């Protein structure tokens, strides 16, 4: 019976996959935008802020997180004069932004920032281990065709950001300043710069032809530049397990628990990060002990035996929470300004794709700006940079869609069709070969092709129907199969 189900699933999934992949792939081709005509000479009042003897700033970058620091380095290396204004230049302490997928690491190399994962005790990550109902399967990144150093990297987020800031500051024409940007300066619909308050409380203004806002998920500037629709589907509860041996070393671990997934991955040679997803915006109270009780009585029993003791010990050492935000990219093209990073676009962090999207966006923007010598004609530059939103879509839409879809599929549900989809996804990935490397290459950012995502998603659905109908279809199973196909759409 199991053999028949397996063969049916393999046959149907393979047929669908290859028909779609080879019948449709390649229809879409990106067009390289034409550079704008030579811009008019800048007016004196648009020439920007002083840059330590190097002349006025060409670009203001608001925020020096992963996106802002990488952008400042990339554009500074191209000869632009960059002023970076960051609210707090001390080392951040966050429980997310700790896993860089291999696709993001390749972008890091392309930007010349590879050494930012060195000297911070970063750990190489070669794939994932998936656990469900006492079973597990290992899903390796398809790295055979890449250099030996290409893999994912996991680390303390703050250490990584500090290395990025140091790298940006090493460029003579990049200046980092600590200050809080309070507003964008707008004249006749064009952003001319920013107003900000320094660490000492002094209120200043800075001007530049282009302002790039990278002030993160809590951005107070994004409303001027996009139509934000922020959703908070869940919260992460973060723990640090010390001297814990993961079942699969150098792999991320995903436990398909009830009600939603639990993640484990190394962040140093002696520490493992655990993120427990709690659906909704309200989590049990940490102060009165409700959270500790929830973790010990609901979460711990669902973990692999190898992790339970370390998990319970970590609860008493400190619990932190972080809302998981999702926000589709909804730009409002504005002359003189651009949004980047989590200020612009967020997805559920289950798949760890945020930094890959941000670094990919920076590569796109850097390449667009390279041929431009003059940024002062704001309306022309704005029209030219609208192509940024098109060029970023293959990577961003694939990673964003996959993150949202996997979170829904990997979470428990009262809907029997969704639970069948969850089991089908686990079994499909467990088949190995094309059935695991294809989805994992999408997850890792190594193959950011929307069509491949569609192929595998519907192949999983059809495989799930096969599991239901073989060997003896019944009216109830046929109905659930029909529902499974409908939820997959």
Foldseek 3Di string as FASTA:
>chain_A
DVVQLVVVLVVLLVVLLVCLCVVPPPPDDADDFDFDDADDDFDPVLQKDDQPPPGHFAEEEEAQALLRLLLLLQVLVLPGQYEYEHQDLAQDFDQAPFKAFLLLCVLCVVSVNNCLLPPQQKFFAFEEWEAEPHDIATFGAPCPPDPPVRGMIGAGRRSSSNSSNVSSVVRSSYHYFHWAFDAFDDDPQATFWTWTAHPVGDIDTIGHQAYEYEHAQVDPYLVVWFDKDKDFFWKKKKWKQFQADDPDPNHKYWYLFPQFIWIWHDHHPTIIMIIDIGGDDDDDDPVVCRRLCCCLPRPLVRDPPSCNVSSNVRSVVDMDMGTFMFIDAGTDQTFRYHYAASSGGHAGCPLVCRSSLRSLLSVLVSVLCSVHPDSNPRVSVSVSCVCSVVVSCLQVVLQRVVRVVCRQLSGDDPQVLSVLLVVLLSVQCNVDDCSRNLVRCSSSSVDSGPSSVVSNLVSSLVSSLSVLPPPPHDPVSVVSSVVNNVVSD
